[in-house]
Each structure stands twice: as C-alpha cells, then as structure tokens.
Protein backbone atom coordinates (compact mmCIF):
# COMPACT_ATOMS: atom_id res chain seq x y z
CA MET A 1 0.14 27.93 9.59
CA LYS A 2 0.09 31.10 7.15
CA ASN A 3 -1.79 31.42 4.21
CA ASN A 4 0.44 33.08 2.11
CA ARG A 5 2.95 30.21 1.89
CA ASN A 6 3.03 28.62 -2.16
CA ILE A 7 0.85 26.09 -3.34
CA ILE A 8 2.91 22.67 -3.60
CA LEU A 9 -0.04 20.42 -4.30
CA SER A 10 -3.30 21.14 -5.95
CA VAL A 11 -6.12 18.95 -6.94
CA GLN A 12 -8.98 20.23 -9.42
CA ASP A 13 -12.27 18.68 -10.07
CA LEU A 14 -10.73 15.38 -9.90
CA SER A 15 -12.95 12.55 -10.47
CA ALA A 16 -11.62 8.82 -10.68
CA GLY A 17 -12.40 5.15 -9.96
CA TYR A 18 -12.11 1.50 -10.95
CA TYR A 19 -13.09 -0.63 -13.50
CA ILE A 20 -14.76 -3.42 -12.13
CA ASP A 21 -16.23 -6.65 -14.42
CA GLY A 22 -15.74 -4.58 -17.11
CA ARG A 23 -18.04 -1.83 -15.47
CA TYR A 24 -16.63 1.58 -14.57
CA VAL A 25 -17.48 3.02 -10.85
CA ASN A 26 -17.35 6.04 -9.64
CA VAL A 27 -15.12 6.87 -6.13
CA LEU A 28 -13.90 10.92 -6.42
CA GLN A 29 -16.92 12.90 -7.34
CA ASN A 30 -14.73 16.52 -8.40
CA ILE A 31 -12.30 16.49 -5.67
CA SER A 32 -10.76 19.90 -4.97
CA LEU A 33 -7.91 20.72 -2.63
CA ASN A 34 -4.82 23.04 -1.93
CA ILE A 35 -2.08 21.87 0.15
CA ARG A 36 0.55 24.79 0.90
CA GLU A 37 4.63 24.32 1.43
CA GLY A 38 5.28 22.86 5.01
CA GLU A 39 1.92 22.12 6.42
CA THR A 40 0.14 19.25 7.28
CA PHE A 41 -3.00 18.51 5.48
CA ALA A 42 -5.49 15.91 6.68
CA VAL A 43 -7.75 14.10 3.89
CA VAL A 44 -10.49 12.06 7.21
CA GLY A 45 -13.25 9.76 6.05
CA GLN A 46 -14.92 6.35 7.07
CA SER A 47 -13.52 3.29 4.89
CA GLY A 48 -15.16 3.80 1.52
CA SER A 49 -15.31 7.64 1.10
CA GLY A 50 -12.56 7.47 -1.22
CA LYS A 51 -9.41 9.16 1.01
CA SER A 52 -6.80 5.72 -0.22
CA THR A 53 -8.28 6.37 -3.69
CA LEU A 54 -7.14 9.66 -3.86
CA ALA A 55 -3.88 9.03 -2.52
CA LEU A 56 -3.04 6.35 -5.18
CA ALA A 57 -4.48 9.27 -7.76
CA ILE A 58 -1.80 11.89 -6.56
CA MET A 59 0.98 9.13 -6.78
CA GLY A 60 -0.18 7.93 -10.33
CA LEU A 61 -0.48 4.14 -8.91
CA LEU A 62 -4.45 3.58 -9.33
CA PRO A 63 -3.81 1.43 -12.66
CA ILE A 64 -2.53 -0.80 -10.64
CA ASP A 65 -5.46 -1.64 -9.23
CA ASN A 66 -7.48 -0.88 -12.48
CA GLY A 67 -8.50 2.24 -11.75
CA LYS A 68 -8.47 5.20 -13.78
CA ILE A 69 -8.82 9.18 -13.41
CA ILE A 70 -11.85 10.01 -15.69
CA ASN A 71 -11.08 14.29 -15.67
CA GLY A 72 -9.43 16.63 -13.16
CA ARG A 73 -6.14 18.68 -12.78
CA ILE A 74 -3.41 17.58 -10.23
CA GLN A 75 -0.48 19.51 -10.03
CA PHE A 76 2.76 20.09 -8.30
CA TYR A 77 4.25 23.38 -8.47
CA LYS A 78 2.00 24.03 -11.03
CA GLU A 79 3.06 21.54 -12.97
CA ASP A 80 0.93 18.44 -14.59
CA LEU A 81 1.87 15.35 -11.96
CA ILE A 82 -0.60 12.84 -13.92
CA LYS A 83 2.14 13.47 -16.27
CA THR A 84 5.27 14.01 -14.49
CA ILE A 85 4.56 11.32 -11.42
CA LYS A 86 6.85 8.47 -13.06
CA ASP A 87 10.13 10.47 -13.33
CA ILE A 88 9.63 11.64 -9.44
CA ARG A 89 7.38 9.25 -7.49
CA GLY A 90 9.73 8.28 -4.35
CA LYS A 91 11.82 11.61 -4.99
CA GLU A 92 9.98 14.11 -4.95
CA ILE A 93 6.73 12.96 -4.27
CA SER A 94 6.74 10.18 -1.55
CA ILE A 95 4.12 7.61 -0.21
CA VAL A 96 4.10 5.54 2.87
CA LEU A 97 0.90 2.91 2.70
CA GLN A 98 -1.04 1.27 4.87
CA ASP A 99 -0.34 -2.41 5.88
CA PRO A 100 3.50 -2.90 5.96
CA HIS A 101 3.01 -6.76 5.78
CA SER A 102 1.73 -6.23 2.20
CA TYR A 103 4.43 -4.28 1.06
CA LEU A 104 7.55 -5.28 1.89
CA ASN A 105 8.98 -8.24 0.13
CA PRO A 106 8.83 -11.10 2.36
CA VAL A 107 11.78 -13.06 0.78
CA ILE A 108 14.33 -9.96 0.57
CA LYS A 109 16.14 -8.75 3.43
CA VAL A 110 14.76 -5.13 4.87
CA GLY A 111 17.90 -3.12 4.28
CA ARG A 112 18.40 -4.81 0.67
CA GLN A 113 15.20 -2.95 0.04
CA VAL A 114 15.96 0.24 1.45
CA ARG A 115 18.84 0.49 -0.24
CA GLU A 116 17.10 -0.09 -3.73
CA ALA A 117 14.99 2.95 -3.20
CA LEU A 118 17.87 4.80 -2.69
CA GLU A 119 19.78 3.64 -5.72
CA ILE A 120 17.06 4.68 -8.08
CA TYR A 121 17.75 8.19 -7.57
CA GLY A 122 21.18 7.62 -5.93
CA VAL A 123 23.12 7.50 -9.08
CA GLY A 124 26.93 8.78 -8.88
CA MET A 125 26.99 7.34 -4.95
CA THR A 126 29.44 5.50 -4.24
CA SER A 127 28.73 2.07 -1.99
CA SER A 128 29.90 3.70 1.19
CA GLU A 129 28.23 7.30 0.97
CA ILE A 130 24.49 4.84 0.05
CA ASP A 131 25.75 2.79 3.12
CA ALA A 132 26.16 6.20 5.34
CA LYS A 133 23.02 7.96 3.91
CA ILE A 134 20.71 4.69 4.56
CA LYS A 135 22.19 4.33 8.53
CA ASP A 136 21.18 7.60 8.83
CA THR A 137 17.71 7.46 7.72
CA PHE A 138 17.53 4.53 9.82
CA LYS A 139 18.29 6.72 12.65
CA LYS A 140 16.07 9.77 11.56
CA VAL A 141 13.24 6.52 11.67
CA LYS A 142 13.97 5.60 15.20
CA LEU A 143 15.13 2.44 14.48
CA ASP A 144 17.86 1.15 16.54
CA ASP A 145 20.31 -1.94 16.23
CA ILE A 146 20.45 -0.92 12.81
CA GLU A 147 22.73 -3.88 11.85
CA ARG A 148 20.29 -6.64 12.69
CA ILE A 149 17.45 -4.42 11.78
CA TYR A 150 19.08 -4.35 8.02
CA ASN A 151 20.28 -7.96 7.95
CA SER A 152 16.43 -9.04 9.16
CA TYR A 153 13.46 -10.40 6.84
CA PRO A 154 10.28 -8.67 7.27
CA HIS A 155 8.84 -11.52 9.70
CA GLN A 156 11.47 -11.27 12.17
CA LEU A 157 10.81 -7.56 12.76
CA SER A 158 7.62 -6.18 14.67
CA GLY A 159 4.75 -4.36 13.49
CA GLY A 160 6.23 -0.85 14.21
CA GLN A 161 9.65 -1.35 13.23
CA LYS A 162 8.46 -2.84 9.41
CA GLN A 163 6.27 0.41 9.37
CA ARG A 164 9.20 2.57 10.29
CA ILE A 165 11.46 0.64 7.30
CA LEU A 166 8.73 1.32 4.92
CA ILE A 167 8.92 5.34 6.25
CA ALA A 168 12.55 5.10 5.75
CA MET A 169 12.22 3.72 2.41
CA SER A 170 9.85 6.73 1.75
CA ILE A 171 11.97 9.58 3.03
CA ILE A 172 15.48 8.13 2.07
CA ASN A 173 15.06 10.35 -1.55
CA ASN A 174 14.45 13.76 0.88
CA PRO A 175 10.82 14.14 -0.88
CA LYS A 176 9.24 17.07 -0.97
CA VAL A 177 5.87 15.87 -0.18
CA LEU A 178 4.77 12.41 1.85
CA ILE A 179 1.84 10.55 1.44
CA ALA A 180 0.68 8.55 4.55
CA ASP A 181 -1.92 6.55 3.83
CA GLU A 182 -3.75 5.20 7.22
CA PRO A 183 -0.18 4.99 8.67
CA THR A 184 -1.64 3.44 12.23
CA SER A 185 -3.51 0.94 10.95
CA GLY A 186 -2.83 -2.46 12.31
CA LEU A 187 -0.92 -1.04 15.19
CA ASP A 188 -1.24 -1.14 18.86
CA LEU A 189 -2.22 2.03 20.97
CA PRO A 190 1.24 3.17 21.70
CA VAL A 191 2.75 2.61 18.72
CA GLN A 192 0.61 4.25 17.16
CA LYS A 193 1.23 7.23 19.04
CA GLN A 194 4.83 7.07 18.61
CA ILE A 195 4.52 6.86 14.54
CA LEU A 196 2.50 9.77 14.37
CA GLU A 197 4.86 11.45 16.60
CA LEU A 198 7.46 10.19 14.48
CA PHE A 199 5.52 11.49 11.07
CA ALA A 200 5.49 15.24 13.07
CA GLU A 201 9.67 15.35 13.72
CA LEU A 202 10.42 14.51 10.23
CA LYS A 203 8.24 17.04 9.00
CA GLU A 204 10.25 19.61 10.81
CA GLN A 205 13.75 17.82 10.42
CA MET A 206 12.91 17.56 6.68
CA ASN A 207 10.78 20.45 6.09
CA LEU A 208 7.99 18.27 4.03
CA THR A 209 4.73 19.01 3.26
CA LEU A 210 2.83 16.02 4.70
CA LEU A 211 -0.46 14.76 3.68
CA ILE A 212 -1.93 12.60 6.08
CA ILE A 213 -5.22 9.93 5.24
CA THR A 214 -6.99 8.86 7.86
CA HIS A 215 -10.13 8.12 9.34
CA ASN A 216 -9.84 9.23 12.96
CA ILE A 217 -10.53 12.62 13.13
CA LEU A 218 -8.96 13.52 16.29
CA ILE A 219 -5.92 12.63 14.37
CA ALA A 220 -6.48 15.22 12.26
CA LYS A 221 -7.27 17.68 15.36
CA LYS A 222 -3.79 17.08 16.76
CA PHE A 223 -1.36 16.26 13.96
CA SER A 224 -2.76 18.70 10.66
CA ASP A 225 -3.14 22.54 10.11
CA THR A 226 -5.86 22.03 7.60
CA ALA A 227 -8.06 18.88 7.06
CA ALA A 228 -10.91 17.75 4.09
CA VAL A 229 -13.65 15.35 5.27
CA LEU A 230 -14.62 13.33 2.74
CA LEU A 231 -18.30 11.65 2.09
CA ASN A 232 -18.78 9.16 -0.65
CA GLY A 233 -16.05 10.46 -2.65
CA GLU A 234 -16.62 14.40 -2.68
CA VAL A 235 -15.13 16.99 0.02
CA VAL A 236 -18.30 17.61 2.22
CA GLU A 237 -15.74 20.54 4.71
CA THR A 238 -12.31 21.92 3.98
CA GLY A 239 -10.49 24.51 6.62
CA ASN A 240 -8.24 24.80 9.55
CA SER A 241 -8.19 21.35 11.52
CA GLU A 242 -9.41 22.37 14.77
CA GLU A 243 -11.86 24.56 13.85
CA ILE A 244 -13.68 21.89 11.85
CA PHE A 245 -13.34 19.77 15.07
CA LEU A 246 -14.36 22.31 17.23
CA LYS A 247 -17.74 23.95 14.97
CA PRO A 248 -18.17 21.11 12.49
CA LYS A 249 -20.83 22.27 9.60
CA HIS A 250 -21.78 19.61 8.04
CA GLU A 251 -23.72 16.83 9.60
CA TYR A 252 -21.39 14.09 8.49
CA THR A 253 -18.78 16.30 10.45
CA LYS A 254 -20.27 16.45 13.51
CA LEU A 255 -21.15 12.65 13.23
CA LEU A 256 -17.27 11.87 13.37
CA CYS A 257 -16.38 14.19 15.60
CA GLY A 258 -19.52 12.51 18.49
CA HIS A 259 -18.23 9.12 18.01
CA ALA A 260 -14.52 10.39 18.04
CA ALA A 261 -15.27 12.32 21.42
CA ARG A 262 -17.10 9.11 22.54
CA MET A 263 -14.21 6.94 21.92
CA TYR A 264 -12.20 9.42 23.42
CA ARG A 265 -13.77 9.39 26.38
CA LYS A 266 -13.92 5.40 26.51
CA GLY A 267 -10.38 5.37 25.94
C-alpha cells in the first residue's frame, strides 16, 4: 500500500462514551487514525476495547445507544463528518453491523429491505433499473437463487446468506468507505473464510476503502494493509499489519499475537 494516497477518513483526538443510569462512562480516549484511499485498515482489540463504539461514532449512530462524542474530529475528505454523516450515511460511507439476526427486520422479506436501502438514494431510477441494480448486487455478494432469496424472510435463510444480505444493503449505493464490524461473528469457520474473501473481492471490484473491526489479529494480518490495536479505548500500537504481527511492540499486542498463534496451531 502506497503512503502517497489521499487520506479519505481521519479521526483526531476522539473521545466518546455512553450515559448509563444518567452517568457518563467514557469508552474512547483521544483516538487518532488516518485511513487512506483504497486501503484496508483493521481496528483490533478484545471485547470491551472500544472497537464497535469507534465504528458507531464514525457512522453517527452513537445516540441510538445513548452515546455521545465528547470531543475530537472525524473528517471525510477533510469535511466535518460529524455534521454531514446523516446526509451521506449509506451512500458515501456504509457499515455492515455484526449479527444480521438483530439488524434484519424479521417480518419484511429481505429483497424489500435491500430495495429500501437503494430507494433512499435512488431518486429518479425506474422500477426496472432498481430491479436490475438489486440483481447485480446479489450477484456481487454471491447470492445464488436470486428470486427465492429476494422473496424470503430472514428466518428462511442461513447465517451466511443473511450476512450477505447485509453486505448487499451496504454496497448497493456504491459507497467509497465500507466499515465491517466483526463481520464473521456467529458464523462457522468455512463461512467466515468465505465472507472475508468476499470483502476482499468487493474492495478490488468497487475500489472501496475498507475498515475492518475485529478481535482477531490473524484477520488483520491476512486481510488488512494497516492496523491499529485498541486497549481500554486507546490506540496502543498502529502501523503495517504484517509488521505488527511479526514484531509487536506493545505488551498487549504481544499478548494478542501469542494467543492468536496458539489458536492457529490448535486449529
């Protein structure tokens, strides 16, 4: 990955957290990251490190969980993303949230849900153009038997198919940045591999900038160019993903790498 590419997404001195029983609890502390066009950037850390909070902050979704950004800046091509995210969410920047069971409406057919994601920004498109776009997107995420899946409810699909539906919803408006928050959560190992390889393919096909949120440092090593390691809401190490894995500097990173290596040998 060449370092002369423009910075597309910048997070500077970001602190954020949640109100719990009326008391503010800080989760992110002075986070700073620069993500360049066309790269895959991984944010790595164990549960509770603040990874998903960072993703929600970028997407302007923290208030849904009673959260708030306390200070700092988030910029998309040097524009204030905190102010503009509502206008470009799902179009310029999109997210695949973990656990499709929670984010797909159980009483609406999945095809209708994908269609609604397109119709938000597809003003002026004819019905036939929308149908063609949905069909093309289903092919991109490798969903076969398109008619059946389009007319299925979430409970009629496998976990991997539901995850592909969420991915279809996230890419249908051709975003520049795609955030994948623990995209393999709850999937068995063969399907995990398929989903991660799909993200890599989509990145190349669509010229995406990809931000992967993961607890698995092996995923960061294999699928990302750059990684940042989070511990208790702070970045403790950042740099080239392979170098971080081979020569970790922070004790926490060494711990993650050691655990991942042991799990890899067992597997």
